[in-house]
PDB file of N, CA and C in Angstrom:
ATOM      1  N   MET A   1       0.815  -1.192   0.000  1.00  0.00           N
ATOM      2  CA  MET A   1       0.000   0.000   0.000  1.00  0.00           C
ATOM      3  C   MET A   1       0.861   1.258   0.000  1.00  0.00           C
ATOM      4  N   LEU A   2       1.961   1.271   0.720  1.00  0.00           N
ATOM      5  CA  LEU A   2       2.800   2.460   0.791  1.00  0.00           C
ATOM      6  C   LEU A   2       3.982   2.388  -0.161  1.00  0.00           C
ATOM      7  N   GLY A   3       3.976   1.450  -1.094  1.00  0.00           N
ATOM      8  CA  GLY A   3       5.046   1.385  -2.071  1.00  0.00           C
ATOM      9  C   GLY A   3       6.392   1.031  -1.461  1.00  0.00           C
ATOM     10  N   LYS A   4       6.386   0.244  -0.387  1.00  0.00           N
ATOM     11  CA  LYS A   4       7.590  -0.204   0.303  1.00  0.00           C
ATOM     12  C   LYS A   4       8.387   0.928   0.926  1.00  0.00           C
ATOM     13  N   THR A   5       7.770   2.090   1.073  1.00  0.00           N
ATOM     14  CA  THR A   5       8.436   3.175   1.782  1.00  0.00           C
ATOM     15  C   THR A   5       8.296   2.923   3.269  1.00  0.00           C
ATOM     16  N   CYS A   6       9.174   3.504   4.013  1.00  0.00           N
ATOM     17  CA  CYS A   6       9.168   3.279   5.455  1.00  0.00           C
ATOM     18  C   CYS A   6       9.391   4.606   6.161  1.00  0.00           C
ATOM     19  N   HIS A   7       8.600   5.594   5.805  1.00  0.00           N
ATOM     20  CA  HIS A   7       8.686   6.872   6.487  1.00  0.00           C
ATOM     21  C   HIS A   7       7.275   7.403   6.708  1.00  0.00           C
ATOM     22  N   TYR A   8       7.182   8.325   7.616  1.00  0.00           N
ATOM     23  CA  TYR A   8       5.878   8.876   7.956  1.00  0.00           C
ATOM     24  C   TYR A   8       5.387   9.819   6.875  1.00  0.00           C
ATOM     25  N   SER A   9       4.087   9.919   6.800  1.00  0.00           N
ATOM     26  CA  SER A   9       3.475  10.853   5.864  1.00  0.00           C
ATOM     27  C   SER A   9       3.246  12.183   6.570  1.00  0.00           C
ATOM     28  N   TYR A  10       3.082  13.229   5.769  1.00  0.00           N
ATOM     29  CA  TYR A  10       2.818  14.551   6.326  1.00  0.00           C
ATOM     30  C   TYR A  10       1.478  15.033   5.805  1.00  0.00           C
ATOM     31  N   TYR A  11       0.592  15.315   6.713  1.00  0.00           N
ATOM     32  CA  TYR A  11      -0.728  15.822   6.357  1.00  0.00           C
ATOM     33  C   TYR A  11      -0.896  17.215   6.945  1.00  0.00           C
ATOM     34  N   PRO A  12      -1.334  18.163   6.147  1.00  0.00           N
ATOM     35  CA  PRO A  12      -1.594  19.498   6.689  1.00  0.00           C
ATOM     36  C   PRO A  12      -2.624  19.418   7.808  1.00  0.00           C
ATOM     37  N   ALA A  13      -2.578  20.362   8.728  1.00  0.00           N
ATOM     38  CA  ALA A  13      -3.455  20.352   9.902  1.00  0.00           C
ATOM     39  C   ALA A  13      -4.939  20.289   9.533  1.00  0.00           C
ATOM     40  N   LYS A  14      -5.313  20.878   8.415  1.00  0.00           N
ATOM     41  CA  LYS A  14      -6.725  20.923   8.039  1.00  0.00           C
ATOM     42  C   LYS A  14      -7.132  19.800   7.087  1.00  0.00           C
ATOM     43  N   ALA A  15      -6.312  18.760   6.975  1.00  0.00           N
ATOM     44  CA  ALA A  15      -6.625  17.647   6.064  1.00  0.00           C
ATOM     45  C   ALA A  15      -7.921  16.964   6.503  1.00  0.00           C
ATOM     46  N   LYS A  16      -8.874  16.854   5.576  1.00  0.00           N
ATOM     47  CA  LYS A  16     -10.149  16.222   5.889  1.00  0.00           C
ATOM     48  C   LYS A  16     -10.088  14.715   5.668  1.00  0.00           C
ATOM     49  N   TRP A  17      -9.303  14.292   4.710  1.00  0.00           N
ATOM     50  CA  TRP A  17      -9.218  12.875   4.374  1.00  0.00           C
ATOM     51  C   TRP A  17      -7.742  12.514   4.261  1.00  0.00           C
ATOM     52  N   PRO A  18      -7.188  11.825   5.259  1.00  0.00           N
ATOM     53  CA  PRO A  18      -5.743  11.612   5.324  1.00  0.00           C
ATOM     54  C   PRO A  18      -5.213  10.462   4.483  1.00  0.00           C
ATOM     55  N   PHE A  19      -5.973   9.956   3.534  1.00  0.00           N
ATOM     56  CA  PHE A  19      -5.521   8.773   2.816  1.00  0.00           C
ATOM     57  C   PHE A  19      -5.096   9.045   1.378  1.00  0.00           C
ATOM     58  N   LEU A  20      -4.597  10.218   1.125  1.00  0.00           N
ATOM     59  CA  LEU A  20      -3.959  10.511  -0.156  1.00  0.00           C
ATOM     60  C   LEU A  20      -2.478  10.206   0.042  1.00  0.00           C
ATOM     61  N   ILE A  21      -2.147   8.931   0.094  1.00  0.00           N
ATOM     62  CA  ILE A  21      -0.845   8.465   0.545  1.00  0.00           C
ATOM     63  C   ILE A  21       0.302   9.042  -0.276  1.00  0.00           C
ATOM     64  N   THR A  22       0.228   8.968  -1.594  1.00  0.00           N
ATOM     65  CA  THR A  22       1.343   9.433  -2.424  1.00  0.00           C
ATOM     66  C   THR A  22       1.631  10.902  -2.186  1.00  0.00           C
ATOM     67  N   ARG A  23       0.625  11.722  -2.157  1.00  0.00           N
ATOM     68  CA  ARG A  23       0.813  13.153  -1.936  1.00  0.00           C
ATOM     69  C   ARG A  23       1.419  13.413  -0.549  1.00  0.00           C
ATOM     70  N   ALA A  24       0.965  12.662   0.443  1.00  0.00           N
ATOM     71  CA  ALA A  24       1.472  12.830   1.803  1.00  0.00           C
ATOM     72  C   ALA A  24       2.933  12.383   1.913  1.00  0.00           C
ATOM     73  N   LEU A  25       3.297  11.307   1.212  1.00  0.00           N
ATOM     74  CA  LEU A  25       4.690  10.855   1.221  1.00  0.00           C
ATOM     75  C   LEU A  25       5.595  11.885   0.552  1.00  0.00           C
ATOM     76  N   ARG A  26       5.158  12.441  -0.568  1.00  0.00           N
ATOM     77  CA  ARG A  26       5.955  13.482  -1.235  1.00  0.00           C
ATOM     78  C   ARG A  26       6.067  14.713  -0.345  1.00  0.00           C
ATOM     79  N   ALA A  27       5.015  15.021   0.399  1.00  0.00           N
ATOM     80  CA  ALA A  27       5.038  16.191   1.279  1.00  0.00           C
ATOM     81  C   ALA A  27       6.080  16.030   2.375  1.00  0.00           C
ATOM     82  N   ILE A  28       6.202  14.830   2.951  1.00  0.00           N
ATOM     83  CA  ILE A  28       7.201  14.646   4.007  1.00  0.00           C
ATOM     84  C   ILE A  28       8.606  14.676   3.419  1.00  0.00           C
ATOM     85  N   GLU A  29       8.767  14.206   2.193  1.00  0.00           N
ATOM     86  CA  GLU A  29      10.075  14.291   1.532  1.00  0.00           C
ATOM     87  C   GLU A  29      10.443  15.754   1.283  1.00  0.00           C
ATOM     88  N   ASP A  30       9.486  16.552   0.843  1.00  0.00           N
ATOM     89  CA  ASP A  30       9.733  17.990   0.666  1.00  0.00           C
ATOM     90  C   ASP A  30      10.082  18.636   1.996  1.00  0.00           C
ATOM     91  N   TYR A  31       9.331  18.293   3.031  1.00  0.00           N
ATOM     92  CA  TYR A  31       9.566  18.856   4.355  1.00  0.00           C
ATOM     93  C   TYR A  31      10.960  18.489   4.858  1.00  0.00           C
ATOM     94  N   LEU A  32      11.328  17.237   4.707  1.00  0.00           N
ATOM     95  CA  LEU A  32      12.655  16.778   5.122  1.00  0.00           C
ATOM     96  C   LEU A  32      13.746  17.519   4.360  1.00  0.00           C
ATOM     97  N   PHE A  33      13.618  17.569   3.049  1.00  0.00           N
ATOM     98  CA  PHE A  33      14.625  18.233   2.220  1.00  0.00           C
ATOM     99  C   PHE A  33      14.759  19.704   2.594  1.00  0.00           C
ATOM    100  N   ASN A  34      13.645  20.380   2.719  1.00  0.00           N
ATOM    101  CA  ASN A  34      13.679  21.804   3.049  1.00  0.00           C
ATOM    102  C   ASN A  34      14.196  22.056   4.466  1.00  0.00           C
ATOM    103  N   SER A  35      13.901  21.155   5.387  1.00  0.00           N
ATOM    104  CA  SER A  35      14.378  21.294   6.764  1.00  0.00           C
ATOM    105  C   SER A  35      15.887  21.129   6.865  1.00  0.00           C
ATOM    106  N   LEU A  36      16.449  20.279   6.030  1.00  0.00           N
ATOM    107  CA  LEU A  36      17.894  20.057   6.061  1.00  0.00           C
ATOM    108  C   LEU A  36      18.658  21.305   5.643  1.00  0.00           C
ATOM    109  N   ASN A  37      18.079  22.056   4.711  1.00  0.00           N
ATOM    110  CA  ASN A  37      18.662  23.324   4.271  1.00  0.00           C
ATOM    111  C   ASN A  37      20.127  23.184   3.830  1.00  0.00           C
ATOM    112  N   PHE A  38      20.417  22.099   3.127  1.00  0.00           N
ATOM    113  CA  PHE A  38      21.761  21.871   2.609  1.00  0.00           C
ATOM    114  C   PHE A  38      21.993  22.663   1.336  1.00  0.00           C
ATOM    115  N   SER A  39      23.253  22.986   1.082  1.00  0.00           N
ATOM    116  CA  SER A  39      23.591  23.551  -0.223  1.00  0.00           C
ATOM    117  C   SER A  39      23.577  22.411  -1.236  1.00  0.00           C
ATOM    118  N   THR A  40      23.511  22.743  -2.509  1.00  0.00           N
ATOM    119  CA  THR A  40      23.438  21.697  -3.531  1.00  0.00           C
ATOM    120  C   THR A  40      24.737  20.920  -3.659  1.00  0.00           C
ATOM    121  N   SER A  41      25.800  21.368  -3.013  1.00  0.00           N
ATOM    122  CA  SER A  41      27.056  20.617  -3.046  1.00  0.00           C
ATOM    123  C   SER A  41      27.194  19.683  -1.849  1.00  0.00           C
ATOM    124  N   ALA A  42      26.189  19.605  -1.014  1.00  0.00           N
ATOM    125  CA  ALA A  42      26.248  18.778   0.194  1.00  0.00           C
ATOM    126  C   ALA A  42      26.289  17.290  -0.153  1.00  0.00           C
ATOM    127  N   ILE A  43      26.889  16.534   0.742  1.00  0.00           N
ATOM    128  CA  ILE A  43      26.937  15.083   0.621  1.00  0.00           C
ATOM    129  C   ILE A  43      26.129  14.499   1.777  1.00  0.00           C
ATOM    130  N   VAL A  44      25.244  13.564   1.448  1.00  0.00           N
ATOM    131  CA  VAL A  44      24.357  12.967   2.433  1.00  0.00           C
ATOM    132  C   VAL A  44      24.678  11.479   2.558  1.00  0.00           C
ATOM    133  N   LEU A  45      24.752  10.981   3.783  1.00  0.00           N
ATOM    134  CA  LEU A  45      24.911   9.556   4.037  1.00  0.00           C
ATOM    135  C   LEU A  45      23.576   9.037   4.543  1.00  0.00           C
ATOM    136  N   ASN A  46      23.054   8.029   3.864  1.00  0.00           N
ATOM    137  CA  ASN A  46      21.779   7.441   4.266  1.00  0.00           C
ATOM    138  C   ASN A  46      21.999   5.975   4.567  1.00  0.00           C
ATOM    139  N   THR A  47      21.547   5.531   5.725  1.00  0.00           N
ATOM    140  CA  THR A  47      21.674   4.120   6.097  1.00  0.00           C
ATOM    141  C   THR A  47      20.289   3.516   6.239  1.00  0.00           C
ATOM    142  N   GLY A  48      20.156   2.267   5.833  1.00  0.00           N
ATOM    143  CA  GLY A  48      18.870   1.583   5.948  1.00  0.00           C
ATOM    144  C   GLY A  48      17.782   2.245   5.136  1.00  0.00           C
ATOM    145  N   TYR A  49      18.002   2.424   3.871  1.00  0.00           N
ATOM    146  CA  TYR A  49      17.142   3.263   3.021  1.00  0.00           C
ATOM    147  C   TYR A  49      16.015   2.522   2.323  1.00  0.00           C
ATOM    148  N   ARG A  50      15.832   1.253   2.644  1.00  0.00           N
ATOM    149  CA  ARG A  50      14.780   0.423   2.026  1.00  0.00           C
ATOM    150  C   ARG A  50      14.946   0.414   0.510  1.00  0.00           C
ATOM    151  N   VAL A  51      13.937   0.835  -0.260  1.00  0.00           N
ATOM    152  CA  VAL A  51      14.032   0.741  -1.721  1.00  0.00           C
ATOM    153  C   VAL A  51      14.511   2.031  -2.373  1.00  0.00           C
ATOM    154  N   GLY A  52      14.907   3.013  -1.565  1.00  0.00           N
ATOM    155  CA  GLY A  52      15.610   4.177  -2.071  1.00  0.00           C
ATOM    156  C   GLY A  52      14.805   5.375  -2.529  1.00  0.00           C
ATOM    157  N   TYR A  53      13.525   5.415  -2.262  1.00  0.00           N
ATOM    158  CA  TYR A  53      12.726   6.527  -2.779  1.00  0.00           C
ATOM    159  C   TYR A  53      13.166   7.883  -2.231  1.00  0.00           C
ATOM    160  N   ILE A  54      13.503   7.941  -0.960  1.00  0.00           N
ATOM    161  CA  ILE A  54      13.913   9.227  -0.387  1.00  0.00           C
ATOM    162  C   ILE A  54      15.270   9.654  -0.926  1.00  0.00           C
ATOM    163  N   ILE A  55      16.220   8.712  -1.028  1.00  0.00           N
ATOM    164  CA  ILE A  55      17.532   9.104  -1.547  1.00  0.00           C
ATOM    165  C   ILE A  55      17.460   9.490  -3.013  1.00  0.00           C
ATOM    166  N   ILE A  56      16.576   8.862  -3.764  1.00  0.00           N
ATOM    167  CA  ILE A  56      16.373   9.245  -5.168  1.00  0.00           C
ATOM    168  C   ILE A  56      15.808  10.660  -5.233  1.00  0.00           C
ATOM    169  N   TYR A  57      14.845  10.937  -4.375  1.00  0.00           N
ATOM    170  CA  TYR A  57      14.230  12.258  -4.343  1.00  0.00           C
ATOM    171  C   TYR A  57      15.264  13.344  -4.056  1.00  0.00           C
ATOM    172  N   ILE A  58      16.088  13.140  -3.016  1.00  0.00           N
ATOM    173  CA  ILE A  58      17.046  14.192  -2.680  1.00  0.00           C
ATOM    174  C   ILE A  58      18.202  14.248  -3.680  1.00  0.00           C
ATOM    175  N   ALA A  59      18.516  13.135  -4.321  1.00  0.00           N
ATOM    176  CA  ALA A  59      19.528  13.166  -5.385  1.00  0.00           C
ATOM    177  C   ALA A  59      19.025  13.979  -6.575  1.00  0.00           C
ATOM    178  N   LYS A  60      17.753  13.860  -6.883  1.00  0.00           N
ATOM    179  CA  LYS A  60      17.172  14.660  -7.971  1.00  0.00           C
ATOM    180  C   LYS A  60      17.187  16.150  -7.642  1.00  0.00           C
ATOM    181  N   LYS A  61      17.217  16.478  -6.353  1.00  0.00           N
ATOM    182  CA  LYS A  61      17.291  17.874  -5.929  1.00  0.00           C
ATOM    183  C   LYS A  61      18.724  18.407  -5.986  1.00  0.00           C
ATOM    184  N   GLY A  62      19.688  17.534  -6.335  1.00  0.00           N
ATOM    185  CA  GLY A  62      21.052  17.991  -6.530  1.00  0.00           C
ATOM    186  C   GLY A  62      22.056  17.577  -5.468  1.00  0.00           C
ATOM    187  N   LEU A  63      21.603  16.879  -4.433  1.00  0.00           N
ATOM    188  CA  LEU A  63      22.544  16.455  -3.398  1.00  0.00           C
ATOM    189  C   LEU A  63      23.227  15.155  -3.805  1.00  0.00           C
ATOM    190  N   ARG A  64      24.461  14.990  -3.356  1.00  0.00           N
ATOM    191  CA  ARG A  64      25.178  13.734  -3.569  1.00  0.00           C
ATOM    192  C   ARG A  64      24.849  12.815  -2.413  1.00  0.00           C
ATOM    193  N   VAL A  65      24.438  11.596  -2.729  1.00  0.00           N
ATOM    194  CA  VAL A  65      23.984  10.670  -1.695  1.00  0.00           C
ATOM    195  C   VAL A  65      24.851   9.416  -1.698  1.00  0.00           C
ATOM    196  N   PHE A  66      25.353   9.069  -0.517  1.00  0.00           N
ATOM    197  CA  PHE A  66      26.016   7.790  -0.315  1.00  0.00           C
ATOM    198  C   PHE A  66      25.075   6.949   0.521  1.00  0.00           C
ATOM    199  N   ARG A  67      25.000   5.668   0.210  1.00  0.00           N
ATOM    200  CA  ARG A  67      24.030   4.817   0.886  1.00  0.00           C
ATOM    201  C   ARG A  67      24.690   3.554   1.414  1.00  0.00           C
ATOM    202  N   ILE A  68      24.201   3.113   2.554  1.00  0.00           N
ATOM    203  CA  ILE A  68      24.684   1.892   3.183  1.00  0.00           C
ATOM    204  C   ILE A  68      23.471   1.083   3.626  1.00  0.00           C
ATOM    205  N   ASP A  69      23.447  -0.174   3.230  1.00  0.00           N
ATOM    206  CA  ASP A  69      22.417  -1.086   3.719  1.00  0.00           C
ATOM    207  C   ASP A  69      23.028  -2.477   3.763  1.00  0.00           C
ATOM    208  N   VAL A  70      22.593  -3.294   4.674  1.00  0.00           N
ATOM    209  CA  VAL A  70      23.132  -4.642   4.798  1.00  0.00           C
ATOM    210  C   VAL A  70      22.173  -5.709   4.272  1.00  0.00           C
ATOM    211  N   ILE A  71      21.013  -5.288   3.830  1.00  0.00           N
ATOM    212  CA  ILE A  71      20.019  -6.238   3.328  1.00  0.00           C
ATOM    213  C   ILE A  71      20.065  -6.242   1.804  1.00  0.00           C
ATOM    214  N   ASN A  72      20.476  -7.372   1.258  1.00  0.00           N
ATOM    215  CA  ASN A  72      20.685  -7.491  -0.177  1.00  0.00           C
ATOM    216  C   ASN A  72      19.426  -7.185  -0.985  1.00  0.00           C
ATOM    217  N   TYR A  73      18.270  -7.568  -0.491  1.00  0.00           N
ATOM    218  CA  TYR A  73      17.007  -7.300  -1.178  1.00  0.00           C
ATOM    219  C   TYR A  73      16.862  -5.804  -1.463  1.00  0.00           C
ATOM    220  N   TYR A  74      17.130  -4.975  -0.445  1.00  0.00           N
ATOM    221  CA  TYR A  74      16.978  -3.529  -0.614  1.00  0.00           C
ATOM    222  C   TYR A  74      18.069  -2.941  -1.499  1.00  0.00           C
ATOM    223  N   LEU A  75      19.257  -3.489  -1.447  1.00  0.00           N
ATOM    224  CA  LEU A  75      20.321  -3.042  -2.353  1.00  0.00           C
ATOM    225  C   LEU A  75      19.900  -3.268  -3.806  1.00  0.00           C
ATOM    226  N   THR A  76      19.376  -4.455  -4.082  1.00  0.00           N
ATOM    227  CA  THR A  76      18.940  -4.792  -5.437  1.00  0.00           C
ATOM    228  C   THR A  76      17.798  -3.892  -5.901  1.00  0.00           C
ATOM    229  N   LYS A  77      16.799  -3.720  -5.058  1.00  0.00           N
ATOM    230  CA  LYS A  77      15.643  -2.888  -5.420  1.00  0.00           C
ATOM    231  C   LYS A  77      16.045  -1.425  -5.615  1.00  0.00           C
ATOM    232  N   THR A  78      16.899  -0.919  -4.752  1.00  0.00           N
ATOM    233  CA  THR A  78      17.334   0.474  -4.880  1.00  0.00           C
ATOM    234  C   THR A  78      18.152   0.667  -6.149  1.00  0.00           C
ATOM    235  N   ASN A  79      19.047  -0.258  -6.455  1.00  0.00           N
ATOM    236  CA  ASN A  79      19.827  -0.162  -7.690  1.00  0.00           C
ATOM    237  C   ASN A  79      18.912  -0.131  -8.906  1.00  0.00           C
ATOM    238  N   ARG A  80      17.866  -0.962  -8.886  1.00  0.00           N
ATOM    239  CA  ARG A  80      16.898  -0.956  -9.988  1.00  0.00           C
ATOM    240  C   ARG A  80      16.177   0.390 -10.067  1.00  0.00           C
ATOM    241  N   ASN A  81      15.748   0.917  -8.929  1.00  0.00           N
ATOM    242  CA  ASN A  81      15.027   2.193  -8.924  1.00  0.00           C
ATOM    243  C   ASN A  81      15.915   3.351  -9.370  1.00  0.00           C
ATOM    244  N   ILE A  82      17.176   3.324  -8.989  1.00  0.00           N
ATOM    245  CA  ILE A  82      18.113   4.353  -9.430  1.00  0.00           C
ATOM    246  C   ILE A  82      18.295   4.297 -10.939  1.00  0.00           C
ATOM    247  N   LYS A  83      18.393   3.106 -11.476  1.00  0.00           N
ATOM    248  CA  LYS A  83      18.540   2.946 -12.924  1.00  0.00           C
ATOM    249  C   LYS A  83      17.297   3.449 -13.662  1.00  0.00           C
ATOM    250  N   VAL A  84      16.121   3.120 -13.140  1.00  0.00           N
ATOM    251  CA  VAL A  84      14.854   3.569 -13.747  1.00  0.00           C
ATOM    252  C   VAL A  84      14.791   5.089 -13.788  1.00  0.00           C
ATOM    253  N   GLU A  85      15.320   5.748 -12.769  1.00  0.00           N
ATOM    254  CA  GLU A  85      15.296   7.206 -12.688  1.00  0.00           C
ATOM    255  C   GLU A  85      16.469   7.880 -13.416  1.00  0.00           C
ATOM    256  N   ASN A  86      17.309   7.070 -14.074  1.00  0.00           N
ATOM    257  CA  ASN A  86      18.449   7.576 -14.842  1.00  0.00           C
ATOM    258  C   ASN A  86      19.428   8.396 -13.995  1.00  0.00           C
ATOM    259  N   LEU A  87      19.675   7.929 -12.770  1.00  0.00           N
ATOM    260  CA  LEU A  87      20.649   8.589 -11.899  1.00  0.00           C
ATOM    261  C   LEU A  87      21.952   7.792 -11.906  1.00  0.00           C
ATOM    262  N   LYS A  88      23.053   8.480 -11.661  1.00  0.00           N
ATOM    263  CA  LYS A  88      24.350   7.810 -11.570  1.00  0.00           C
ATOM    264  C   LYS A  88      24.436   7.065 -10.257  1.00  0.00           C
ATOM    265  N   GLN A  89      25.106   5.885 -10.309  1.00  0.00           N
ATOM    266  CA  GLN A  89      25.329   5.112  -9.075  1.00  0.00           C
ATOM    267  C   GLN A  89      26.734   5.316  -8.592  1.00  0.00           C
TER     268      GLN A  89
END
């Protein structure tokens, strides 16, 4: 249901129907990215990133991302998702 993401969703205070999952997931990614307030030359280390949606999102915003995971399933899925998005590994 959540596309194998493992992060909380963000719903505005006046949300009447909280089940617009995709929009809420993108909102928390925007909130996270904007809260970090990194310059575009920043380097980010992400550990335990599941299938990589958040690291793909912030890489598309111009940050360099290094990733570490010990679960081969997630390494494989993230590599596939990075390739689909035409990002450098």
